[in-house]
Amino acid sequence: MTGLTSKEISNLIVDKIDSVKEALKVAYSASKNQIGCFYIDDLLPEDLAQACFDAFPDKTEMRILKSIREYKCVSAQMDKHNKLLEEVIYAFQDEKVVNLIGDICGIKSLYADESLYAGGLSLMAQHNFLNPHLDNSHDAERERWRVLNLLYYVTPNWEIENGGHLELWPNGPKKKPVLVESKFNRLVVMATHDTSWHSVNKVTVDRSRCCISNYYFSDEALKETDKFHITKFRGRPEDTFKNIILDLDANLRMMIRKIFKKGIRKNPHIYKKK
């Protein structure tokens, strides 16, 4: 199935989601007062999901992000990687997929992002982690609100003891998180707004947890309380000193963005198509 086009893959995604649509609506609605999340297992045929993993680039071919905030490998420059991965990423951007997920989440204006701003490929190897954080509120041009994260996990036989799992903090990063396993062939859809704290716990094994990511945007914020903000990190509840540093870091970066509306990074994380 590795020769499938983006359109053919999107049809597979639509068929799977449509088959469990009503249950997904219930799941998202039930979690909406906290963060808003649902997941679908066995999203694509198993051999296609396996092919995605087999096609994943080595971490040496990706950009390494390593700081007190996070430690992971990412890439949005899809023409440098196996064509299958690009086809799968853009399958999630097909209008039928976007509209179907918008219907499940009750979001009327919903847009995929062809530039893959902050999306694309993510790989987390041993000792990699992502601290509790709120995603930045807007797209690269600050024209639309970021409202949904789509995380498609493709590492076979990824066990709970391996770490590298999504954590949701519905009561804030000072309380206990809810664990969402990064299971093979699982799609997680989560809302992003001013209280959608989430993280990824540390990978404990000498393997790579691979994820294909998309972000959807909207003309309107999900919550009336939402205001523009950059990505803000926190430490875990026990990380008192780290919280002080990360608060200072967030305040400084927010101050810069107030001065420079579109930021000052020379190489933003986007797909620069030739």
C-alpha atoms as a PDB file:
ATOM      1  CA  MET A   1       0.000   0.000   0.000  1.00  0.00           C
ATOM      2  CA  THR A   2       3.021   2.321  -0.068  1.00  0.00           C
ATOM      3  CA  GLY A   3       2.111   3.652  -3.529  1.00  0.00           C
ATOM      4  CA  LEU A   4      -1.141   5.233  -2.352  1.00  0.00           C
ATOM      5  CA  THR A   5      -1.809   8.887  -3.043  1.00  0.00           C
ATOM      6  CA  SER A   6      -2.794  11.453  -0.431  1.00  0.00           C
ATOM      7  CA  LYS A   7      -6.375  11.358  -1.730  1.00  0.00           C
ATOM      8  CA  GLU A   8      -6.567   7.572  -1.434  1.00  0.00           C
ATOM      9  CA  ILE A   9      -5.183   7.694   2.104  1.00  0.00           C
ATOM     10  CA  SER A  10      -7.642  10.440   3.055  1.00  0.00           C
ATOM     11  CA  ASN A  11     -10.495   8.203   1.895  1.00  0.00           C
ATOM     12  CA  LEU A  12      -9.254   5.477   4.252  1.00  0.00           C
ATOM     13  CA  ILE A  13      -9.107   7.994   7.104  1.00  0.00           C
ATOM     14  CA  VAL A  14     -12.631   9.244   6.400  1.00  0.00           C
ATOM     15  CA  ASP A  15     -14.041   5.720   6.254  1.00  0.00           C
ATOM     16  CA  LYS A  16     -12.487   4.818   9.604  1.00  0.00           C
ATOM     17  CA  ILE A  17     -13.518   8.006  11.395  1.00  0.00           C
ATOM     18  CA  ASP A  18     -17.001   7.896   9.921  1.00  0.00           C
ATOM     19  CA  SER A  19     -17.518   4.367  11.244  1.00  0.00           C
ATOM     20  CA  VAL A  20     -17.088   5.559  14.848  1.00  0.00           C
ATOM     21  CA  LYS A  21     -18.165   9.181  14.430  1.00  0.00           C
ATOM     22  CA  GLU A  22     -20.980   9.213  16.986  1.00  0.00           C
ATOM     23  CA  ALA A  23     -18.817   7.617  19.681  1.00  0.00           C
ATOM     24  CA  LEU A  24     -16.094  10.182  18.999  1.00  0.00           C
ATOM     25  CA  LYS A  25     -18.598  13.019  19.365  1.00  0.00           C
ATOM     26  CA  VAL A  26     -19.579  11.676  22.764  1.00  0.00           C
ATOM     27  CA  ALA A  27     -15.933  11.301  23.832  1.00  0.00           C
ATOM     28  CA  TYR A  28     -14.998  14.824  22.761  1.00  0.00           C
ATOM     29  CA  SER A  29     -18.082  16.382  24.303  1.00  0.00           C
ATOM     30  CA  ALA A  30     -17.485  14.585  27.602  1.00  0.00           C
ATOM     31  CA  SER A  31     -13.929  15.951  27.800  1.00  0.00           C
ATOM     32  CA  LYS A  32     -14.693  19.427  26.511  1.00  0.00           C
ATOM     33  CA  ASN A  33     -15.039  20.991  29.965  1.00  0.00           C
ATOM     34  CA  GLN A  34     -11.477  19.896  30.693  1.00  0.00           C
ATOM     35  CA  ILE A  35      -9.324  20.016  27.554  1.00  0.00           C
ATOM     36  CA  GLY A  36     -11.203  18.284  24.729  1.00  0.00           C
ATOM     37  CA  CYS A  37      -9.740  15.113  23.268  1.00  0.00           C
ATOM     38  CA  PHE A  38     -10.559  11.873  21.463  1.00  0.00           C
ATOM     39  CA  TYR A  39      -8.527   9.105  19.871  1.00  0.00           C
ATOM     40  CA  ILE A  40      -9.022   6.432  17.228  1.00  0.00           C
ATOM     41  CA  ASP A  41      -7.130   3.135  17.178  1.00  0.00           C
ATOM     42  CA  ASP A  42      -6.278   1.181  14.012  1.00  0.00           C
ATOM     43  CA  LEU A  43      -6.741   4.306  11.920  1.00  0.00           C
ATOM     44  CA  LEU A  44      -5.119   2.939   8.748  1.00  0.00           C
ATOM     45  CA  PRO A  45      -4.504  -0.574   7.451  1.00  0.00           C
ATOM     46  CA  GLU A  46      -1.736  -2.092   9.565  1.00  0.00           C
ATOM     47  CA  ASP A  47       0.675  -2.565   6.676  1.00  0.00           C
ATOM     48  CA  LEU A  48       0.323   1.104   5.725  1.00  0.00           C
ATOM     49  CA  ALA A  49       0.967   2.240   9.304  1.00  0.00           C
ATOM     50  CA  GLN A  50       4.005  -0.077   9.406  1.00  0.00           C
ATOM     51  CA  ALA A  51       5.243   1.393   6.120  1.00  0.00           C
ATOM     52  CA  CYS A  52       5.057   4.884   7.684  1.00  0.00           C
ATOM     53  CA  PHE A  53       7.298   3.743  10.509  1.00  0.00           C
ATOM     54  CA  ASP A  54       9.718   2.019   8.125  1.00  0.00           C
ATOM     55  CA  ALA A  55       9.911   5.231   6.067  1.00  0.00           C
ATOM     56  CA  PHE A  56      10.579   7.493   9.052  1.00  0.00           C
ATOM     57  CA  PRO A  57      13.909   9.364   8.830  1.00  0.00           C
ATOM     58  CA  ASP A  58      16.714   8.706  11.283  1.00  0.00           C
ATOM     59  CA  LYS A  59      17.112  11.299  14.004  1.00  0.00           C
ATOM     60  CA  THR A  60      20.385  12.394  12.354  1.00  0.00           C
ATOM     61  CA  GLU A  61      18.282  13.628   9.412  1.00  0.00           C
ATOM     62  CA  MET A  62      16.076  15.772  11.611  1.00  0.00           C
ATOM     63  CA  ARG A  63      16.405  18.982  13.585  1.00  0.00           C
ATOM     64  CA  ILE A  64      17.214  18.431  17.251  1.00  0.00           C
ATOM     65  CA  LEU A  65      15.447  20.640  19.805  1.00  0.00           C
ATOM     66  CA  LYS A  66      17.232  20.387  23.134  1.00  0.00           C
ATOM     67  CA  SER A  67      16.677  22.764  26.031  1.00  0.00           C
ATOM     68  CA  ILE A  68      15.191  22.952  29.509  1.00  0.00           C
ATOM     69  CA  ARG A  69      11.792  23.024  27.767  1.00  0.00           C
ATOM     70  CA  GLU A  70      12.076  19.955  25.534  1.00  0.00           C
ATOM     71  CA  TYR A  71      14.308  17.357  23.921  1.00  0.00           C
ATOM     72  CA  LYS A  72      13.125  15.875  20.639  1.00  0.00           C
ATOM     73  CA  CYS A  73      13.769  15.673  16.884  1.00  0.00           C
ATOM     74  CA  VAL A  74      11.505  17.341  14.327  1.00  0.00           C
ATOM     75  CA  SER A  75      11.221  17.985  10.601  1.00  0.00           C
ATOM     76  CA  ALA A  76       8.783  19.836   8.367  1.00  0.00           C
ATOM     77  CA  GLN A  77      10.880  19.781   5.173  1.00  0.00           C
ATOM     78  CA  MET A  78       9.021  16.842   3.727  1.00  0.00           C
ATOM     79  CA  ASP A  79      10.772  16.737   0.337  1.00  0.00           C
ATOM     80  CA  LYS A  80      13.878  15.521   2.161  1.00  0.00           C
ATOM     81  CA  HIS A  81      12.107  12.376   3.323  1.00  0.00           C
ATOM     82  CA  ASN A  82      10.246   9.370   1.965  1.00  0.00           C
ATOM     83  CA  LYS A  83       7.343  10.462  -0.248  1.00  0.00           C
ATOM     84  CA  LEU A  84       4.888   8.274   1.679  1.00  0.00           C
ATOM     85  CA  LEU A  85       5.209  10.449   4.782  1.00  0.00           C
ATOM     86  CA  GLU A  86       4.250  13.566   2.848  1.00  0.00           C
ATOM     87  CA  GLU A  87       1.269  11.776   1.310  1.00  0.00           C
ATOM     88  CA  VAL A  88       0.056  10.736   4.776  1.00  0.00           C
ATOM     89  CA  ILE A  89       0.538  14.180   6.288  1.00  0.00           C
ATOM     90  CA  TYR A  90      -1.473  15.868   3.557  1.00  0.00           C
ATOM     91  CA  ALA A  91      -4.145  13.178   3.674  1.00  0.00           C
ATOM     92  CA  PHE A  92      -5.097  14.700   7.041  1.00  0.00           C
ATOM     93  CA  GLN A  93      -5.488  18.043   5.257  1.00  0.00           C
ATOM     94  CA  ASP A  94      -8.050  16.786   2.754  1.00  0.00           C
ATOM     95  CA  GLU A  95     -11.232  18.858   3.005  1.00  0.00           C
ATOM     96  CA  LYS A  96     -13.332  15.772   3.808  1.00  0.00           C
ATOM     97  CA  VAL A  97     -11.101  14.871   6.758  1.00  0.00           C
ATOM     98  CA  VAL A  98     -10.996  18.448   8.059  1.00  0.00           C
ATOM     99  CA  ASN A  99     -14.772  18.851   7.814  1.00  0.00           C
ATOM    100  CA  LEU A 100     -15.430  15.503   9.480  1.00  0.00           C
ATOM    101  CA  ILE A 101     -13.211  16.299  12.443  1.00  0.00           C
ATOM    102  CA  GLY A 102     -14.718  19.787  12.627  1.00  0.00           C
ATOM    103  CA  ASP A 103     -18.163  18.206  12.844  1.00  0.00           C
ATOM    104  CA  ILE A 104     -17.055  15.894  15.668  1.00  0.00           C
ATOM    105  CA  CYS A 105     -15.600  18.810  17.624  1.00  0.00           C
ATOM    106  CA  GLY A 106     -18.341  21.295  16.771  1.00  0.00           C
ATOM    107  CA  ILE A 107     -15.965  23.745  15.075  1.00  0.00           C
ATOM    108  CA  LYS A 108     -17.497  25.523  12.086  1.00  0.00           C
ATOM    109  CA  SER A 109     -14.493  27.300  10.579  1.00  0.00           C
ATOM    110  CA  LEU A 110     -11.565  24.885  10.432  1.00  0.00           C
ATOM    111  CA  TYR A 111      -8.490  24.995   8.222  1.00  0.00           C
ATOM    112  CA  ALA A 112      -5.530  22.707   7.654  1.00  0.00           C
ATOM    113  CA  ASP A 113      -2.066  24.229   7.305  1.00  0.00           C
ATOM    114  CA  GLU A 114      -0.194  23.459   4.097  1.00  0.00           C
ATOM    115  CA  SER A 115       2.979  25.082   5.485  1.00  0.00           C
ATOM    116  CA  LEU A 116       3.069  22.570   8.374  1.00  0.00           C
ATOM    117  CA  TYR A 117       3.791  25.359  10.858  1.00  0.00           C
ATOM    118  CA  ALA A 118       5.007  23.481  13.977  1.00  0.00           C
ATOM    119  CA  GLY A 119       3.759  20.230  12.407  1.00  0.00           C
ATOM    120  CA  GLY A 120       5.340  17.526  10.281  1.00  0.00           C
ATOM    121  CA  LEU A 121       7.418  14.734  11.786  1.00  0.00           C
ATOM    122  CA  SER A 122       8.396  14.240  15.420  1.00  0.00           C
ATOM    123  CA  LEU A 123      10.762  11.598  16.778  1.00  0.00           C
ATOM    124  CA  MET A 124      11.534  11.045  20.450  1.00  0.00           C
ATOM    125  CA  ALA A 125      14.426   8.742  21.355  1.00  0.00           C
ATOM    126  CA  GLN A 126      15.767   7.602  24.723  1.00  0.00           C
ATOM    127  CA  HIS A 127      15.827  10.416  27.331  1.00  0.00           C
ATOM    128  CA  ASN A 128      13.738  12.706  25.095  1.00  0.00           C
ATOM    129  CA  PHE A 129      10.816  14.578  26.717  1.00  0.00           C
ATOM    130  CA  LEU A 130       8.432  17.489  26.353  1.00  0.00           C
ATOM    131  CA  ASN A 131       7.630  19.513  29.467  1.00  0.00           C
ATOM    132  CA  PRO A 132       4.060  20.612  30.272  1.00  0.00           C
ATOM    133  CA  HIS A 133       3.167  23.481  27.959  1.00  0.00           C
ATOM    134  CA  LEU A 134       0.488  25.492  26.211  1.00  0.00           C
ATOM    135  CA  ASP A 135       0.863  25.645  22.432  1.00  0.00           C
ATOM    136  CA  ASN A 136       1.185  29.079  20.877  1.00  0.00           C
ATOM    137  CA  SER A 137      -2.249  30.490  20.160  1.00  0.00           C
ATOM    138  CA  HIS A 138      -1.965  31.391  16.458  1.00  0.00           C
ATOM    139  CA  ASP A 139      -0.531  30.453  13.084  1.00  0.00           C
ATOM    140  CA  ALA A 140       2.768  31.876  11.823  1.00  0.00           C
ATOM    141  CA  GLU A 141       1.088  35.030  10.507  1.00  0.00           C
ATOM    142  CA  ARG A 142      -1.050  35.540  13.630  1.00  0.00           C
ATOM    143  CA  GLU A 143      -4.161  35.524  11.457  1.00  0.00           C
ATOM    144  CA  ARG A 144      -5.920  32.365  12.706  1.00  0.00           C
ATOM    145  CA  TRP A 145      -6.247  30.589  16.027  1.00  0.00           C
ATOM    146  CA  ARG A 146      -4.639  27.200  16.545  1.00  0.00           C
ATOM    147  CA  VAL A 147      -7.477  25.007  17.786  1.00  0.00           C
ATOM    148  CA  LEU A 148      -6.685  21.309  17.205  1.00  0.00           C
ATOM    149  CA  ASN A 149      -3.606  19.082  17.334  1.00  0.00           C
ATOM    150  CA  LEU A 150      -3.666  15.841  15.319  1.00  0.00           C
ATOM    151  CA  LEU A 151      -1.068  13.322  16.449  1.00  0.00           C
ATOM    152  CA  TYR A 152      -0.721  10.073  14.523  1.00  0.00           C
ATOM    153  CA  TYR A 153       1.596   7.523  16.178  1.00  0.00           C
ATOM    154  CA  VAL A 154       3.304   4.903  14.012  1.00  0.00           C
ATOM    155  CA  THR A 155       5.817   3.023  16.195  1.00  0.00           C
ATOM    156  CA  PRO A 156       4.885  -0.691  16.401  1.00  0.00           C
ATOM    157  CA  ASN A 157       4.750  -2.443  19.777  1.00  0.00           C
ATOM    158  CA  TRP A 158       5.179   0.755  21.774  1.00  0.00           C
ATOM    159  CA  GLU A 159       4.498  -0.236  25.386  1.00  0.00           C
ATOM    160  CA  ILE A 160       3.397   1.935  28.281  1.00  0.00           C
ATOM    161  CA  GLU A 161       6.664   1.342  30.178  1.00  0.00           C
ATOM    162  CA  ASN A 162       8.596   2.861  27.238  1.00  0.00           C
ATOM    163  CA  GLY A 163       7.496   6.391  28.118  1.00  0.00           C
ATOM    164  CA  GLY A 164       7.041   8.884  25.305  1.00  0.00           C
ATOM    165  CA  HIS A 165       3.299   9.110  25.955  1.00  0.00           C
ATOM    166  CA  LEU A 166       1.039  12.141  25.699  1.00  0.00           C
ATOM    167  CA  GLU A 167      -0.004  13.619  29.039  1.00  0.00           C
ATOM    168  CA  LEU A 168      -2.990  15.917  29.439  1.00  0.00           C
ATOM    169  CA  TRP A 169      -3.184  18.216  32.481  1.00  0.00           C
ATOM    170  CA  PRO A 170      -6.904  19.144  32.707  1.00  0.00           C
ATOM    171  CA  ASN A 171      -6.445  20.707  36.142  1.00  0.00           C
ATOM    172  CA  GLY A 172      -3.217  22.498  35.282  1.00  0.00           C
ATOM    173  CA  PRO A 173       0.459  21.472  35.550  1.00  0.00           C
ATOM    174  CA  LYS A 174       0.410  21.545  39.353  1.00  0.00           C
ATOM    175  CA  LYS A 175      -1.976  18.578  39.508  1.00  0.00           C
ATOM    176  CA  LYS A 176      -1.813  15.030  38.116  1.00  0.00           C
ATOM    177  CA  PRO A 177      -1.920  14.384  34.356  1.00  0.00           C
ATOM    178  CA  VAL A 178      -4.083  11.998  32.359  1.00  0.00           C
ATOM    179  CA  LEU A 179      -1.995   9.595  30.262  1.00  0.00           C
ATOM    180  CA  VAL A 180      -2.879   8.927  26.613  1.00  0.00           C
ATOM    181  CA  GLU A 181      -0.704   6.115  25.272  1.00  0.00           C
ATOM    182  CA  SER A 182       1.218   6.670  22.044  1.00  0.00           C
ATOM    183  CA  LYS A 183      -0.026   3.383  20.615  1.00  0.00           C
ATOM    184  CA  PHE A 184       0.845   2.178  17.132  1.00  0.00           C
ATOM    185  CA  ASN A 185      -1.651   3.321  14.486  1.00  0.00           C
ATOM    186  CA  ARG A 186      -3.499   5.617  16.925  1.00  0.00           C
ATOM    187  CA  LEU A 187      -4.700   9.093  16.008  1.00  0.00           C
ATOM    188  CA  VAL A 188      -5.163  11.527  18.888  1.00  0.00           C
ATOM    189  CA  VAL A 189      -7.091  14.758  18.351  1.00  0.00           C
ATOM    190  CA  MET A 190      -6.845  17.307  21.146  1.00  0.00           C
ATOM    191  CA  ALA A 191      -8.066  20.860  21.511  1.00  0.00           C
ATOM    192  CA  THR A 192      -5.603  23.636  22.119  1.00  0.00           C
ATOM    193  CA  HIS A 193      -6.567  26.774  24.034  1.00  0.00           C
ATOM    194  CA  ASP A 194      -5.471  28.777  27.068  1.00  0.00           C
ATOM    195  CA  THR A 195      -5.825  25.862  29.534  1.00  0.00           C
ATOM    196  CA  SER A 196      -4.872  22.865  27.341  1.00  0.00           C
ATOM    197  CA  TRP A 197      -1.682  21.969  29.209  1.00  0.00           C
ATOM    198  CA  HIS A 198      -0.025  18.861  27.797  1.00  0.00           C
ATOM    199  CA  SER A 199       3.348  17.129  27.744  1.00  0.00           C
ATOM    200  CA  VAL A 200       5.190  13.955  26.742  1.00  0.00           C
ATOM    201  CA  ASN A 201       6.857  11.908  29.459  1.00  0.00           C
ATOM    202  CA  LYS A 202      10.475  10.836  29.085  1.00  0.00           C
ATOM    203  CA  VAL A 203      11.323   7.959  26.747  1.00  0.00           C
ATOM    204  CA  THR A 204      13.006   5.247  28.813  1.00  0.00           C
ATOM    205  CA  VAL A 205      14.091   2.738  26.139  1.00  0.00           C
ATOM    206  CA  ASP A 206      16.643   2.762  23.326  1.00  0.00           C
ATOM    207  CA  ARG A 207      13.997   3.052  20.604  1.00  0.00           C
ATOM    208  CA  SER A 208      12.254   5.859  18.743  1.00  0.00           C
ATOM    209  CA  ARG A 209       8.654   6.941  19.200  1.00  0.00           C
ATOM    210  CA  CYS A 210       7.552   8.372  15.847  1.00  0.00           C
ATOM    211  CA  CYS A 211       4.646  10.730  15.271  1.00  0.00           C
ATOM    212  CA  ILE A 212       3.094  12.428  12.238  1.00  0.00           C
ATOM    213  CA  SER A 213       1.581  15.773  13.266  1.00  0.00           C
ATOM    214  CA  ASN A 214      -0.907  18.243  11.853  1.00  0.00           C
ATOM    215  CA  TYR A 215      -2.434  21.366  13.341  1.00  0.00           C
ATOM    216  CA  TYR A 216      -5.794  22.852  12.422  1.00  0.00           C
ATOM    217  CA  PHE A 217      -6.629  26.537  12.689  1.00  0.00           C
ATOM    218  CA  SER A 218      -9.837  28.566  12.923  1.00  0.00           C
ATOM    219  CA  ASP A 219     -11.156  32.095  12.530  1.00  0.00           C
ATOM    220  CA  GLU A 220     -12.314  31.960  16.140  1.00  0.00           C
ATOM    221  CA  ALA A 221     -10.700  30.841  19.394  1.00  0.00           C
ATOM    222  CA  LEU A 222     -12.201  27.818  21.130  1.00  0.00           C
ATOM    223  CA  LYS A 223     -12.743  29.745  24.362  1.00  0.00           C
ATOM    224  CA  GLU A 224     -13.831  33.328  24.994  1.00  0.00           C
ATOM    225  CA  THR A 225     -10.989  33.675  27.484  1.00  0.00           C
ATOM    226  CA  ASP A 226      -8.317  32.891  24.883  1.00  0.00           C
ATOM    227  CA  LYS A 227      -5.771  35.611  24.186  1.00  0.00           C
ATOM    228  CA  PHE A 228      -2.657  35.695  22.039  1.00  0.00           C
ATOM    229  CA  HIS A 229       0.270  33.861  23.654  1.00  0.00           C
ATOM    230  CA  ILE A 230       3.498  32.180  22.678  1.00  0.00           C
ATOM    231  CA  THR A 231       4.233  28.561  23.584  1.00  0.00           C
ATOM    232  CA  LYS A 232       4.539  28.558  27.359  1.00  0.00           C
ATOM    233  CA  PHE A 233       6.358  25.796  29.237  1.00  0.00           C
ATOM    234  CA  ARG A 234       6.237  24.707  32.858  1.00  0.00           C
ATOM    235  CA  GLY A 235       8.082  22.127  34.876  1.00  0.00           C
ATOM    236  CA  ARG A 236       6.372  19.162  36.454  1.00  0.00           C
ATOM    237  CA  PRO A 237       4.742  19.686  39.866  1.00  0.00           C
ATOM    238  CA  GLU A 238       7.931  18.796  41.716  1.00  0.00           C
ATOM    239  CA  ASP A 239      10.170  21.062  39.572  1.00  0.00           C
ATOM    240  CA  THR A 240      10.024  24.262  41.630  1.00  0.00           C
ATOM    241  CA  PHE A 241      13.322  25.765  40.444  1.00  0.00           C
ATOM    242  CA  LYS A 242      12.684  24.822  36.819  1.00  0.00           C
ATOM    243  CA  ASN A 243       9.302  26.572  37.011  1.00  0.00           C
ATOM    244  CA  ILE A 244      10.975  29.827  37.997  1.00  0.00           C
ATOM    245  CA  ILE A 245      13.329  29.630  35.030  1.00  0.00           C
ATOM    246  CA  LEU A 246      10.581  28.664  32.590  1.00  0.00           C
ATOM    247  CA  ASP A 247       8.333  31.489  33.805  1.00  0.00           C
ATOM    248  CA  LEU A 248      11.131  33.987  33.143  1.00  0.00           C
ATOM    249  CA  ASP A 249      11.761  32.385  29.768  1.00  0.00           C
ATOM    250  CA  ALA A 250       8.078  32.625  28.787  1.00  0.00           C
ATOM    251  CA  ASN A 251       7.786  36.235  29.935  1.00  0.00           C
ATOM    252  CA  LEU A 252      10.873  37.240  27.948  1.00  0.00           C
ATOM    253  CA  ARG A 253       9.687  35.525  24.764  1.00  0.00           C
ATOM    254  CA  MET A 254       6.220  37.044  25.158  1.00  0.00           C
ATOM    255  CA  MET A 255       7.766  40.502  25.502  1.00  0.00           C
ATOM    256  CA  ILE A 256       9.711  39.969  22.284  1.00  0.00           C
ATOM    257  CA  ARG A 257       6.568  38.887  20.420  1.00  0.00           C
ATOM    258  CA  LYS A 258       4.743  42.012  21.566  1.00  0.00           C
ATOM    259  CA  ILE A 259       7.477  44.049  19.883  1.00  0.00           C
ATOM    260  CA  PHE A 260       8.003  41.791  16.851  1.00  0.00           C
ATOM    261  CA  LYS A 261       4.545  40.563  15.860  1.00  0.00           C
ATOM    262  CA  LYS A 262       5.796  37.664  13.735  1.00  0.00           C
ATOM    263  CA  GLY A 263       8.803  36.821  15.872  1.00  0.00           C
ATOM    264  CA  ILE A 264      12.518  37.071  15.117  1.00  0.00           C
ATOM    265  CA  ARG A 265      13.394  33.490  14.210  1.00  0.00           C
ATOM    266  CA  LYS A 266      15.243  33.262  10.890  1.00  0.00           C
ATOM    267  CA  ASN A 267      14.202  29.663  10.252  1.00  0.00           C
ATOM    268  CA  PRO A 268      10.666  29.030  11.507  1.00  0.00           C
ATOM    269  CA  HIS A 269       9.440  25.436  11.570  1.00  0.00           C
ATOM    270  CA  ILE A 270       7.564  25.363   8.266  1.00  0.00           C
ATOM    271  CA  TYR A 271       7.701  23.414   5.001  1.00  0.00           C
ATOM    272  CA  LYS A 272       9.628  25.558   2.518  1.00  0.00           C
ATOM    273  CA  LYS A 273       8.451  24.163  -0.786  1.00  0.00           C
ATOM    274  CA  LYS A 274      10.651  24.706  -3.805  1.00  0.00           C
END
